[in-house]
Amino acid sequence: MLESLLPLLHALGGVALILFGVRFLRKGLDKAVGQRLPTWVARVTGGPASAAATGIGVGLLAPSSSSQGLLAVSLVRDGVLNLQRAAVLLAGAYLGATLLLHLLAMSNA
């Protein structure tokens, strides 16, 4: 009985770790940037090209699509980022994560 629940417990533990990491990432950003967070996010995601470039950079540095999505939703919810910029930022982040995986695959080939 317990052996059949083990995969579910592993999945729930993974989700808990992702949420834990995103919470600390957001708190770290708040401490590092503080009240300037809305200004900083608006500056680095000013237009579609800069939002996509920022997303690619985020995707290369932190290739966790779950944490990127949760962080973007949190920024939209708090009114720091509008929905269109968040979508472009996430598209760039997913592209960056894909590029990182291709680079890693080519280096191991």
PDB file of N, CA and C in Angstrom:
ATOM      1  N   MET A   1       0.824  -1.197   0.000  1.00  0.00           N
ATOM      2  CA  MET A   1       0.000   0.000   0.000  1.00  0.00           C
ATOM      3  C   MET A   1       0.865   1.257   0.000  1.00  0.00           C
ATOM      4  N   LEU A   2       1.851   1.277   0.901  1.00  0.00           N
ATOM      5  CA  LEU A   2       2.726   2.448   0.994  1.00  0.00           C
ATOM      6  C   LEU A   2       3.564   2.616  -0.273  1.00  0.00           C
ATOM      7  N   GLU A   3       3.945   1.513  -0.901  1.00  0.00           N
ATOM      8  CA  GLU A   3       4.758   1.583  -2.117  1.00  0.00           C
ATOM      9  C   GLU A   3       4.008   2.247  -3.261  1.00  0.00           C
ATOM     10  N   SER A   4       2.689   2.135  -3.297  1.00  0.00           N
ATOM     11  CA  SER A   4       1.921   2.771  -4.360  1.00  0.00           C
ATOM     12  C   SER A   4       1.761   4.266  -4.119  1.00  0.00           C
ATOM     13  N   LEU A   5       1.892   4.727  -2.878  1.00  0.00           N
ATOM     14  CA  LEU A   5       1.781   6.149  -2.552  1.00  0.00           C
ATOM     15  C   LEU A   5       3.113   6.882  -2.667  1.00  0.00           C
ATOM     16  N   LEU A   6       4.189   6.149  -2.756  1.00  0.00           N
ATOM     17  CA  LEU A   6       5.519   6.760  -2.783  1.00  0.00           C
ATOM     18  C   LEU A   6       5.713   7.725  -3.957  1.00  0.00           C
ATOM     19  N   PRO A   7       5.317   7.374  -5.189  1.00  0.00           N
ATOM     20  CA  PRO A   7       5.464   8.342  -6.282  1.00  0.00           C
ATOM     21  C   PRO A   7       4.665   9.632  -6.065  1.00  0.00           C
ATOM     22  N   LEU A   8       3.491   9.514  -5.492  1.00  0.00           N
ATOM     23  CA  LEU A   8       2.683  10.698  -5.193  1.00  0.00           C
ATOM     24  C   LEU A   8       3.368  11.567  -4.149  1.00  0.00           C
ATOM     25  N   LEU A   9       3.928  10.940  -3.127  1.00  0.00           N
ATOM     26  CA  LEU A   9       4.647  11.694  -2.098  1.00  0.00           C
ATOM     27  C   LEU A   9       5.885  12.378  -2.679  1.00  0.00           C
ATOM     28  N   HIS A  10       6.576  11.724  -3.591  1.00  0.00           N
ATOM     29  CA  HIS A  10       7.732  12.349  -4.246  1.00  0.00           C
ATOM     30  C   HIS A  10       7.299  13.563  -5.057  1.00  0.00           C
ATOM     31  N   ALA A  11       6.197  13.440  -5.787  1.00  0.00           N
ATOM     32  CA  ALA A  11       5.700  14.559  -6.592  1.00  0.00           C
ATOM     33  C   ALA A  11       5.282  15.729  -5.699  1.00  0.00           C
ATOM     34  N   LEU A  12       4.586  15.443  -4.620  1.00  0.00           N
ATOM     35  CA  LEU A  12       4.176  16.507  -3.699  1.00  0.00           C
ATOM     36  C   LEU A  12       5.385  17.165  -3.038  1.00  0.00           C
ATOM     37  N   GLY A  13       6.397  16.380  -2.719  1.00  0.00           N
ATOM     38  CA  GLY A  13       7.626  16.946  -2.163  1.00  0.00           C
ATOM     39  C   GLY A  13       8.330  17.861  -3.154  1.00  0.00           C
ATOM     40  N   GLY A  14       8.333  17.474  -4.433  1.00  0.00           N
ATOM     41  CA  GLY A  14       8.932  18.321  -5.463  1.00  0.00           C
ATOM     42  C   GLY A  14       8.193  19.634  -5.624  1.00  0.00           C
ATOM     43  N   VAL A  15       6.867  19.582  -5.602  1.00  0.00           N
ATOM     44  CA  VAL A  15       6.060  20.808  -5.694  1.00  0.00           C
ATOM     45  C   VAL A  15       6.331  21.699  -4.495  1.00  0.00           C
ATOM     46  N   ALA A  16       6.431  21.110  -3.317  1.00  0.00           N
ATOM     47  CA  ALA A  16       6.714  21.895  -2.113  1.00  0.00           C
ATOM     48  C   ALA A  16       8.081  22.573  -2.204  1.00  0.00           C
ATOM     49  N   LEU A  17       9.076  21.864  -2.732  1.00  0.00           N
ATOM     50  CA  LEU A  17      10.411  22.469  -2.877  1.00  0.00           C
ATOM     51  C   LEU A  17      10.410  23.617  -3.883  1.00  0.00           C
ATOM     52  N   ILE A  18       9.666  23.468  -4.979  1.00  0.00           N
ATOM     53  CA  ILE A  18       9.578  24.548  -5.971  1.00  0.00           C
ATOM     54  C   ILE A  18       8.929  25.777  -5.347  1.00  0.00           C
ATOM     55  N   LEU A  19       7.815  25.589  -4.638  1.00  0.00           N
ATOM     56  CA  LEU A  19       7.139  26.723  -4.002  1.00  0.00           C
ATOM     57  C   LEU A  19       8.025  27.373  -2.951  1.00  0.00           C
ATOM     58  N   PHE A  20       8.762  26.568  -2.214  1.00  0.00           N
ATOM     59  CA  PHE A  20       9.699  27.073  -1.209  1.00  0.00           C
ATOM     60  C   PHE A  20      10.777  27.935  -1.866  1.00  0.00           C
ATOM     61  N   GLY A  21      11.337  27.437  -2.980  1.00  0.00           N
ATOM     62  CA  GLY A  21      12.373  28.176  -3.690  1.00  0.00           C
ATOM     63  C   GLY A  21      11.866  29.473  -4.290  1.00  0.00           C
ATOM     64  N   VAL A  22      10.668  29.453  -4.860  1.00  0.00           N
ATOM     65  CA  VAL A  22      10.102  30.667  -5.443  1.00  0.00           C
ATOM     66  C   VAL A  22       9.842  31.708  -4.366  1.00  0.00           C
ATOM     67  N   ARG A  23       9.378  31.268  -3.223  1.00  0.00           N
ATOM     68  CA  ARG A  23       9.123  32.209  -2.123  1.00  0.00           C
ATOM     69  C   ARG A  23      10.418  32.904  -1.703  1.00  0.00           C
ATOM     70  N   PHE A  24      11.494  32.127  -1.574  1.00  0.00           N
ATOM     71  CA  PHE A  24      12.760  32.734  -1.171  1.00  0.00           C
ATOM     72  C   PHE A  24      13.362  33.584  -2.277  1.00  0.00           C
ATOM     73  N   LEU A  25      13.140  33.216  -3.535  1.00  0.00           N
ATOM     74  CA  LEU A  25      13.592  34.059  -4.639  1.00  0.00           C
ATOM     75  C   LEU A  25      12.897  35.412  -4.593  1.00  0.00           C
ATOM     76  N   ARG A  26      11.588  35.402  -4.392  1.00  0.00           N
ATOM     77  CA  ARG A  26      10.832  36.646  -4.328  1.00  0.00           C
ATOM     78  C   ARG A  26      11.250  37.483  -3.123  1.00  0.00           C
ATOM     79  N   LYS A  27      11.435  36.846  -1.969  1.00  0.00           N
ATOM     80  CA  LYS A  27      11.880  37.586  -0.785  1.00  0.00           C
ATOM     81  C   LYS A  27      13.284  38.147  -0.983  1.00  0.00           C
ATOM     82  N   GLY A  28      14.145  37.386  -1.656  1.00  0.00           N
ATOM     83  CA  GLY A  28      15.484  37.880  -1.946  1.00  0.00           C
ATOM     84  C   GLY A  28      15.455  39.075  -2.879  1.00  0.00           C
ATOM     85  N   LEU A  29      14.595  39.020  -3.893  1.00  0.00           N
ATOM     86  CA  LEU A  29      14.446  40.165  -4.790  1.00  0.00           C
ATOM     87  C   LEU A  29      13.928  41.383  -4.035  1.00  0.00           C
ATOM     88  N   ASP A  30      12.966  41.158  -3.157  1.00  0.00           N
ATOM     89  CA  ASP A  30      12.433  42.276  -2.376  1.00  0.00           C
ATOM     90  C   ASP A  30      13.503  42.888  -1.483  1.00  0.00           C
ATOM     91  N   LYS A  31      14.360  42.052  -0.889  1.00  0.00           N
ATOM     92  CA  LYS A  31      15.417  42.578  -0.027  1.00  0.00           C
ATOM     93  C   LYS A  31      16.512  43.270  -0.841  1.00  0.00           C
ATOM     94  N   ALA A  32      16.856  42.694  -1.989  1.00  0.00           N
ATOM     95  CA  ALA A  32      17.935  43.261  -2.796  1.00  0.00           C
ATOM     96  C   ALA A  32      17.526  44.564  -3.467  1.00  0.00           C
ATOM     97  N   VAL A  33      16.317  44.605  -3.973  1.00  0.00           N
ATOM     98  CA  VAL A  33      15.872  45.767  -4.735  1.00  0.00           C
ATOM     99  C   VAL A  33      14.939  46.642  -3.915  1.00  0.00           C
ATOM    100  N   GLY A  34      14.193  46.047  -3.005  1.00  0.00           N
ATOM    101  CA  GLY A  34      13.323  46.787  -2.098  1.00  0.00           C
ATOM    102  C   GLY A  34      12.186  47.484  -2.819  1.00  0.00           C
ATOM    103  N   GLN A  35      11.981  48.725  -2.466  1.00  0.00           N
ATOM    104  CA  GLN A  35      10.878  49.513  -3.028  1.00  0.00           C
ATOM    105  C   GLN A  35      11.082  49.834  -4.502  1.00  0.00           C
ATOM    106  N   ARG A  36      12.303  49.630  -4.996  1.00  0.00           N
ATOM    107  CA  ARG A  36      12.587  49.933  -6.405  1.00  0.00           C
ATOM    108  C   ARG A  36      12.220  48.780  -7.330  1.00  0.00           C
ATOM    109  N   LEU A  37      11.659  47.692  -6.794  1.00  0.00           N
ATOM    110  CA  LEU A  37      11.327  46.525  -7.620  1.00  0.00           C
ATOM    111  C   LEU A  37      10.412  46.881  -8.788  1.00  0.00           C
ATOM    112  N   PRO A  38       9.306  47.620  -8.607  1.00  0.00           N
ATOM    113  CA  PRO A  38       8.478  47.963  -9.769  1.00  0.00           C
ATOM    114  C   PRO A  38       9.224  48.779 -10.820  1.00  0.00           C
ATOM    115  N   THR A  39      10.057  49.715 -10.382  1.00  0.00           N
ATOM    116  CA  THR A  39      10.838  50.520 -11.326  1.00  0.00           C
ATOM    117  C   THR A  39      11.854  49.665 -12.051  1.00  0.00           C
ATOM    118  N   TRP A  40      12.523  48.783 -11.335  1.00  0.00           N
ATOM    119  CA  TRP A  40      13.541  47.917 -11.926  1.00  0.00           C
ATOM    120  C   TRP A  40      12.922  46.962 -12.934  1.00  0.00           C
ATOM    121  N   VAL A  41      11.800  46.328 -12.573  1.00  0.00           N
ATOM    122  CA  VAL A  41      11.135  45.400 -13.491  1.00  0.00           C
ATOM    123  C   VAL A  41      10.631  46.143 -14.722  1.00  0.00           C
ATOM    124  N   ALA A  42      10.074  47.342 -14.537  1.00  0.00           N
ATOM    125  CA  ALA A  42       9.597  48.131 -15.683  1.00  0.00           C
ATOM    126  C   ALA A  42      10.750  48.516 -16.600  1.00  0.00           C
ATOM    127  N   ARG A  43      11.927  48.783 -16.032  1.00  0.00           N
ATOM    128  CA  ARG A  43      13.075  49.168 -16.845  1.00  0.00           C
ATOM    129  C   ARG A  43      13.609  48.000 -17.664  1.00  0.00           C
ATOM    130  N   VAL A  44      13.745  46.819 -17.051  1.00  0.00           N
ATOM    131  CA  VAL A  44      14.322  45.687 -17.776  1.00  0.00           C
ATOM    132  C   VAL A  44      13.327  45.013 -18.709  1.00  0.00           C
ATOM    133  N   THR A  45      12.038  45.311 -18.543  1.00  0.00           N
ATOM    134  CA  THR A  45      11.030  44.751 -19.444  1.00  0.00           C
ATOM    135  C   THR A  45      10.278  45.862 -20.157  1.00  0.00           C
ATOM    136  N   GLY A  46      10.964  46.965 -20.472  1.00  0.00           N
ATOM    137  CA  GLY A  46      10.329  48.147 -21.054  1.00  0.00           C
ATOM    138  C   GLY A  46       9.585  47.884 -22.341  1.00  0.00           C
ATOM    139  N   GLY A  47      10.212  47.250 -23.295  1.00  0.00           N
ATOM    140  CA  GLY A  47       9.561  46.946 -24.566  1.00  0.00           C
ATOM    141  C   GLY A  47       9.576  45.454 -24.806  1.00  0.00           C
ATOM    142  N   PRO A  48       8.952  45.032 -25.889  1.00  0.00           N
ATOM    143  CA  PRO A  48       8.913  43.592 -26.168  1.00  0.00           C
ATOM    144  C   PRO A  48      10.302  42.974 -26.339  1.00  0.00           C
ATOM    145  N   ALA A  49      11.198  43.693 -26.999  1.00  0.00           N
ATOM    146  CA  ALA A  49      12.539  43.143 -27.227  1.00  0.00           C
ATOM    147  C   ALA A  49      13.319  43.018 -25.919  1.00  0.00           C
ATOM    148  N   SER A  50      13.240  44.037 -25.073  1.00  0.00           N
ATOM    149  CA  SER A  50      13.973  43.959 -23.806  1.00  0.00           C
ATOM    150  C   SER A  50      13.335  42.949 -22.856  1.00  0.00           C
ATOM    151  N   ALA A  51      12.015  42.796 -22.896  1.00  0.00           N
ATOM    152  CA  ALA A  51      11.353  41.783 -22.073  1.00  0.00           C
ATOM    153  C   ALA A  51      11.772  40.386 -22.520  1.00  0.00           C
ATOM    154  N   ALA A  52      11.842  40.168 -23.828  1.00  0.00           N
ATOM    155  CA  ALA A  52      12.264  38.860 -24.339  1.00  0.00           C
ATOM    156  C   ALA A  52      13.732  38.599 -23.994  1.00  0.00           C
ATOM    157  N   ALA A  53      14.582  39.613 -24.138  1.00  0.00           N
ATOM    158  CA  ALA A  53      15.998  39.443 -23.806  1.00  0.00           C
ATOM    159  C   ALA A  53      16.188  39.161 -22.315  1.00  0.00           C
ATOM    160  N   THR A  54      15.432  39.858 -21.479  1.00  0.00           N
ATOM    161  CA  THR A  54      15.486  39.597 -20.046  1.00  0.00           C
ATOM    162  C   THR A  54      15.018  38.181 -19.744  1.00  0.00           C
ATOM    163  N   GLY A  55      13.962  37.757 -20.425  1.00  0.00           N
ATOM    164  CA  GLY A  55      13.463  36.396 -20.250  1.00  0.00           C
ATOM    165  C   GLY A  55      14.487  35.358 -20.652  1.00  0.00           C
ATOM    166  N   ILE A  56      15.187  35.598 -21.766  1.00  0.00           N
ATOM    167  CA  ILE A  56      16.229  34.657 -22.201  1.00  0.00           C
ATOM    168  C   ILE A  56      17.333  34.583 -21.148  1.00  0.00           C
ATOM    169  N   GLY A  57      17.713  35.732 -20.605  1.00  0.00           N
ATOM    170  CA  GLY A  57      18.723  35.737 -19.554  1.00  0.00           C
ATOM    171  C   GLY A  57      18.274  34.987 -18.316  1.00  0.00           C
ATOM    172  N   VAL A  58      17.022  35.182 -17.921  1.00  0.00           N
ATOM    173  CA  VAL A  58      16.480  34.470 -16.766  1.00  0.00           C
ATOM    174  C   VAL A  58      16.434  32.968 -17.056  1.00  0.00           C
ATOM    175  N   GLY A  59      16.042  32.612 -18.277  1.00  0.00           N
ATOM    176  CA  GLY A  59      15.979  31.196 -18.646  1.00  0.00           C
ATOM    177  C   GLY A  59      17.331  30.529 -18.658  1.00  0.00           C
ATOM    178  N   LEU A  60      18.367  31.280 -19.029  1.00  0.00           N
ATOM    179  CA  LEU A  60      19.716  30.720 -19.021  1.00  0.00           C
ATOM    180  C   LEU A  60      20.252  30.561 -17.598  1.00  0.00           C
ATOM    181  N   LEU A  61      19.860  31.471 -16.712  1.00  0.00           N
ATOM    182  CA  LEU A  61      20.366  31.427 -15.342  1.00  0.00           C
ATOM    183  C   LEU A  61      19.559  30.492 -14.445  1.00  0.00           C
ATOM    184  N   ALA A  62      18.262  30.451 -14.647  1.00  0.00           N
ATOM    185  CA  ALA A  62      17.392  29.633 -13.793  1.00  0.00           C
ATOM    186  C   ALA A  62      16.407  28.880 -14.672  1.00  0.00           C
ATOM    187  N   PRO A  63      16.798  27.708 -15.188  1.00  0.00           N
ATOM    188  CA  PRO A  63      15.958  27.027 -16.172  1.00  0.00           C
ATOM    189  C   PRO A  63      14.779  26.247 -15.584  1.00  0.00           C
ATOM    190  N   SER A  64      14.180  26.733 -14.518  1.00  0.00           N
ATOM    191  CA  SER A  64      13.012  26.079 -13.941  1.00  0.00           C
ATOM    192  C   SER A  64      11.760  26.801 -14.439  1.00  0.00           C
ATOM    193  N   SER A  65      11.047  26.188 -15.348  1.00  0.00           N
ATOM    194  CA  SER A  65       9.872  26.842 -15.916  1.00  0.00           C
ATOM    195  C   SER A  65       8.785  27.040 -14.870  1.00  0.00           C
ATOM    196  N   SER A  66       8.702  26.161 -13.908  1.00  0.00           N
ATOM    197  CA  SER A  66       7.692  26.317 -12.852  1.00  0.00           C
ATOM    198  C   SER A  66       7.976  27.561 -12.020  1.00  0.00           C
ATOM    199  N   SER A  67       9.230  27.748 -11.632  1.00  0.00           N
ATOM    200  CA  SER A  67       9.546  28.923 -10.819  1.00  0.00           C
ATOM    201  C   SER A  67       9.403  30.208 -11.627  1.00  0.00           C
ATOM    202  N   GLN A  68       9.745  30.168 -12.906  1.00  0.00           N
ATOM    203  CA  GLN A  68       9.572  31.350 -13.750  1.00  0.00           C
ATOM    204  C   GLN A  68       8.098  31.720 -13.873  1.00  0.00           C
ATOM    205  N   GLY A  69       7.268  30.725 -14.087  1.00  0.00           N
ATOM    206  CA  GLY A  69       5.830  30.976 -14.201  1.00  0.00           C
ATOM    207  C   GLY A  69       5.234  31.511 -12.915  1.00  0.00           C
ATOM    208  N   LEU A  70       5.620  30.917 -11.783  1.00  0.00           N
ATOM    209  CA  LEU A  70       5.100  31.382 -10.498  1.00  0.00           C
ATOM    210  C   LEU A  70       5.562  32.796 -10.181  1.00  0.00           C
ATOM    211  N   LEU A  71       6.806  33.107 -10.503  1.00  0.00           N
ATOM    212  CA  LEU A  71       7.312  34.451 -10.260  1.00  0.00           C
ATOM    213  C   LEU A  71       6.598  35.468 -11.139  1.00  0.00           C
ATOM    214  N   ALA A  72       6.360  35.121 -12.408  1.00  0.00           N
ATOM    215  CA  ALA A  72       5.652  36.038 -13.308  1.00  0.00           C
ATOM    216  C   ALA A  72       4.218  36.264 -12.839  1.00  0.00           C
ATOM    217  N   VAL A  73       3.545  35.208 -12.417  1.00  0.00           N
ATOM    218  CA  VAL A  73       2.177  35.353 -11.907  1.00  0.00           C
ATOM    219  C   VAL A  73       2.158  36.224 -10.664  1.00  0.00           C
ATOM    220  N   SER A  74       3.152  36.046  -9.806  1.00  0.00           N
ATOM    221  CA  SER A  74       3.243  36.864  -8.596  1.00  0.00           C
ATOM    222  C   SER A  74       3.445  38.336  -8.937  1.00  0.00           C
ATOM    223  N   LEU A  75       4.299  38.619  -9.921  1.00  0.00           N
ATOM    224  CA  LEU A  75       4.531  40.013 -10.321  1.00  0.00           C
ATOM    225  C   LEU A  75       3.300  40.629 -10.970  1.00  0.00           C
ATOM    226  N   VAL A  76       2.563  39.849 -11.756  1.00  0.00           N
ATOM    227  CA  VAL A  76       1.328  40.349 -12.369  1.00  0.00           C
ATOM    228  C   VAL A  76       0.280  40.589 -11.287  1.00  0.00           C
ATOM    229  N   ARG A  77       0.155  39.648 -10.351  1.00  0.00           N
ATOM    230  CA  ARG A  77      -0.826  39.775  -9.272  1.00  0.00           C
ATOM    231  C   ARG A  77      -0.579  41.028  -8.442  1.00  0.00           C
ATOM    232  N   ASP A  78       0.706  41.344  -8.186  1.00  0.00           N
ATOM    233  CA  ASP A  78       1.052  42.512  -7.382  1.00  0.00           C
ATOM    234  C   ASP A  78       1.001  43.812  -8.173  1.00  0.00           C
ATOM    235  N   GLY A  79       0.726  43.728  -9.477  1.00  0.00           N
ATOM    236  CA  GLY A  79       0.630  44.928 -10.295  1.00  0.00           C
ATOM    237  C   GLY A  79       1.972  45.482 -10.735  1.00  0.00           C
ATOM    238  N   VAL A  80       3.041  44.736 -10.537  1.00  0.00           N
ATOM    239  CA  VAL A  80       4.377  45.181 -10.931  1.00  0.00           C
ATOM    240  C   VAL A  80       4.570  45.025 -12.429  1.00  0.00           C
ATOM    241  N   LEU A  81       3.961  44.015 -13.017  1.00  0.00           N
ATOM    242  CA  LEU A  81       4.137  43.673 -14.423  1.00  0.00           C
ATOM    243  C   LEU A  81       2.764  43.466 -15.044  1.00  0.00           C
ATOM    244  N   ASN A  82       2.570  43.988 -16.265  1.00  0.00           N
ATOM    245  CA  ASN A  82       1.280  43.727 -16.904  1.00  0.00           C
ATOM    246  C   ASN A  82       1.315  42.373 -17.612  1.00  0.00           C
ATOM    247  N   LEU A  83       0.161  41.904 -18.004  1.00  0.00           N
ATOM    248  CA  LEU A  83       0.037  40.547 -18.528  1.00  0.00           C
ATOM    249  C   LEU A  83       0.796  40.362 -19.841  1.00  0.00           C
ATOM    250  N   GLN A  84       0.781  41.369 -20.711  1.00  0.00           N
ATOM    251  CA  GLN A  84       1.474  41.248 -21.993  1.00  0.00           C
ATOM    252  C   GLN A  84       2.986  41.138 -21.799  1.00  0.00           C
ATOM    253  N   ARG A  85       3.544  41.960 -20.926  1.00  0.00           N
ATOM    254  CA  ARG A  85       4.983  41.884 -20.665  1.00  0.00           C
ATOM    255  C   ARG A  85       5.349  40.556 -20.015  1.00  0.00           C
ATOM    256  N   ALA A  86       4.489  40.077 -19.131  1.00  0.00           N
ATOM    257  CA  ALA A  86       4.759  38.793 -18.469  1.00  0.00           C
ATOM    258  C   ALA A  86       4.761  37.657 -19.484  1.00  0.00           C
ATOM    259  N   ALA A  87       3.852  37.705 -20.460  1.00  0.00           N
ATOM    260  CA  ALA A  87       3.809  36.657 -21.488  1.00  0.00           C
ATOM    261  C   ALA A  87       5.073  36.673 -22.333  1.00  0.00           C
ATOM    262  N   VAL A  88       5.535  37.866 -22.705  1.00  0.00           N
ATOM    263  CA  VAL A  88       6.767  37.970 -23.498  1.00  0.00           C
ATOM    264  C   VAL A  88       7.968  37.545 -22.656  1.00  0.00           C
ATOM    265  N   LEU A  89       7.987  37.934 -21.397  1.00  0.00           N
ATOM    266  CA  LEU A  89       9.068  37.545 -20.494  1.00  0.00           C
ATOM    267  C   LEU A  89       9.125  36.028 -20.356  1.00  0.00           C
ATOM    268  N   LEU A  90       7.980  35.392 -20.186  1.00  0.00           N
ATOM    269  CA  LEU A  90       7.949  33.936 -20.058  1.00  0.00           C
ATOM    270  C   LEU A  90       8.342  33.240 -21.354  1.00  0.00           C
ATOM    271  N   ALA A  91       7.902  33.783 -22.486  1.00  0.00           N
ATOM    272  CA  ALA A  91       8.302  33.184 -23.762  1.00  0.00           C
ATOM    273  C   ALA A  91       9.825  33.236 -23.912  1.00  0.00           C
ATOM    274  N   GLY A  92      10.424  34.374 -23.560  1.00  0.00           N
ATOM    275  CA  GLY A  92      11.877  34.480 -23.605  1.00  0.00           C
ATOM    276  C   GLY A  92      12.551  33.552 -22.614  1.00  0.00           C
ATOM    277  N   ALA A  93      11.969  33.410 -21.419  1.00  0.00           N
ATOM    278  CA  ALA A  93      12.548  32.528 -20.410  1.00  0.00           C
ATOM    279  C   ALA A  93      12.506  31.071 -20.866  1.00  0.00           C
ATOM    280  N   TYR A  94      11.406  30.668 -21.483  1.00  0.00           N
ATOM    281  CA  TYR A  94      11.321  29.299 -21.975  1.00  0.00           C
ATOM    282  C   TYR A  94      12.299  29.083 -23.128  1.00  0.00           C
ATOM    283  N   LEU A  95      12.481  30.099 -23.955  1.00  0.00           N
ATOM    284  CA  LEU A  95      13.468  30.010 -25.035  1.00  0.00           C
ATOM    285  C   LEU A  95      14.874  29.899 -24.452  1.00  0.00           C
ATOM    286  N   GLY A  96      15.168  30.680 -23.424  1.00  0.00           N
ATOM    287  CA  GLY A  96      16.473  30.615 -22.779  1.00  0.00           C
ATOM    288  C   GLY A  96      16.742  29.262 -22.145  1.00  0.00           C
ATOM    289  N   ALA A  97      15.730  28.690 -21.498  1.00  0.00           N
ATOM    290  CA  ALA A  97      15.900  27.367 -20.898  1.00  0.00           C
ATOM    291  C   ALA A  97      16.133  26.316 -21.980  1.00  0.00           C
ATOM    292  N   THR A  98      15.430  26.444 -23.101  1.00  0.00           N
ATOM    293  CA  THR A  98      15.624  25.513 -24.211  1.00  0.00           C
ATOM    294  C   THR A  98      17.023  25.642 -24.792  1.00  0.00           C
ATOM    295  N   LEU A  99      17.500  26.883 -24.950  1.00  0.00           N
ATOM    296  CA  LEU A  99      18.864  27.097 -25.450  1.00  0.00           C
ATOM    297  C   LEU A  99      19.899  26.488 -24.506  1.00  0.00           C
ATOM    298  N   LEU A 100      19.681  26.651 -23.205  1.00  0.00           N
ATOM    299  CA  LEU A 100      20.617  26.091 -22.239  1.00  0.00           C
ATOM    300  C   LEU A 100      20.659  24.567 -22.342  1.00  0.00           C
ATOM    301  N   LEU A 101      19.499  23.948 -22.479  1.00  0.00           N
ATOM    302  CA  LEU A 101      19.468  22.497 -22.601  1.00  0.00           C
ATOM    303  C   LEU A 101      20.149  22.023 -23.888  1.00  0.00           C
ATOM    304  N   HIS A 102      19.969  22.763 -24.975  1.00  0.00           N
ATOM    305  CA  HIS A 102      20.642  22.392 -26.222  1.00  0.00           C
ATOM    306  C   HIS A 102      22.152  22.563 -26.091  1.00  0.00           C
ATOM    307  N   LEU A 103      22.596  23.613 -25.439  1.00  0.00           N
ATOM    308  CA  LEU A 103      24.031  23.814 -25.217  1.00  0.00           C
ATOM    309  C   LEU A 103      24.619  22.693 -24.372  1.00  0.00           C
ATOM    310  N   LEU A 104      23.897  22.295 -23.332  1.00  0.00           N
ATOM    311  CA  LEU A 104      24.371  21.196 -22.495  1.00  0.00           C
ATOM    312  C   LEU A 104      24.391  19.880 -23.261  1.00  0.00           C
ATOM    313  N   ALA A 105      23.389  19.651 -24.095  1.00  0.00           N
ATOM    314  CA  ALA A 105      23.346  18.409 -24.874  1.00  0.00           C
ATOM    315  C   ALA A 105      24.485  18.373 -25.880  1.00  0.00           C
ATOM    316  N   MET A 106      24.805  19.516 -26.499  1.00  0.00           N
ATOM    317  CA  MET A 106      25.891  19.543 -27.472  1.00  0.00           C
ATOM    318  C   MET A 106      27.249  19.377 -26.791  1.00  0.00           C
ATOM    319  N   SER A 107      27.386  19.880 -25.558  1.00  0.00           N
ATOM    320  CA  SER A 107      28.679  19.749 -24.893  1.00  0.00           C
ATOM    321  C   SER A 107      28.937  18.311 -24.441  1.00  0.00           C
ATOM    322  N   ASN A 108      27.873  17.537 -24.247  1.00  0.00           N
ATOM    323  CA  ASN A 108      28.041  16.146 -23.831  1.00  0.00           C
ATOM    324  C   ASN A 108      28.117  15.189 -25.021  1.00  0.00           C
ATOM    325  N   ALA A 109      27.898  15.691 -26.206  1.00  0.00           N
ATOM    326  CA  ALA A 109      27.899  14.817 -27.381  1.00  0.00           C
ATOM    327  C   ALA A 109      29.288  14.449 -27.830  1.00  0.00           C
TER     328      ALA A 109
END
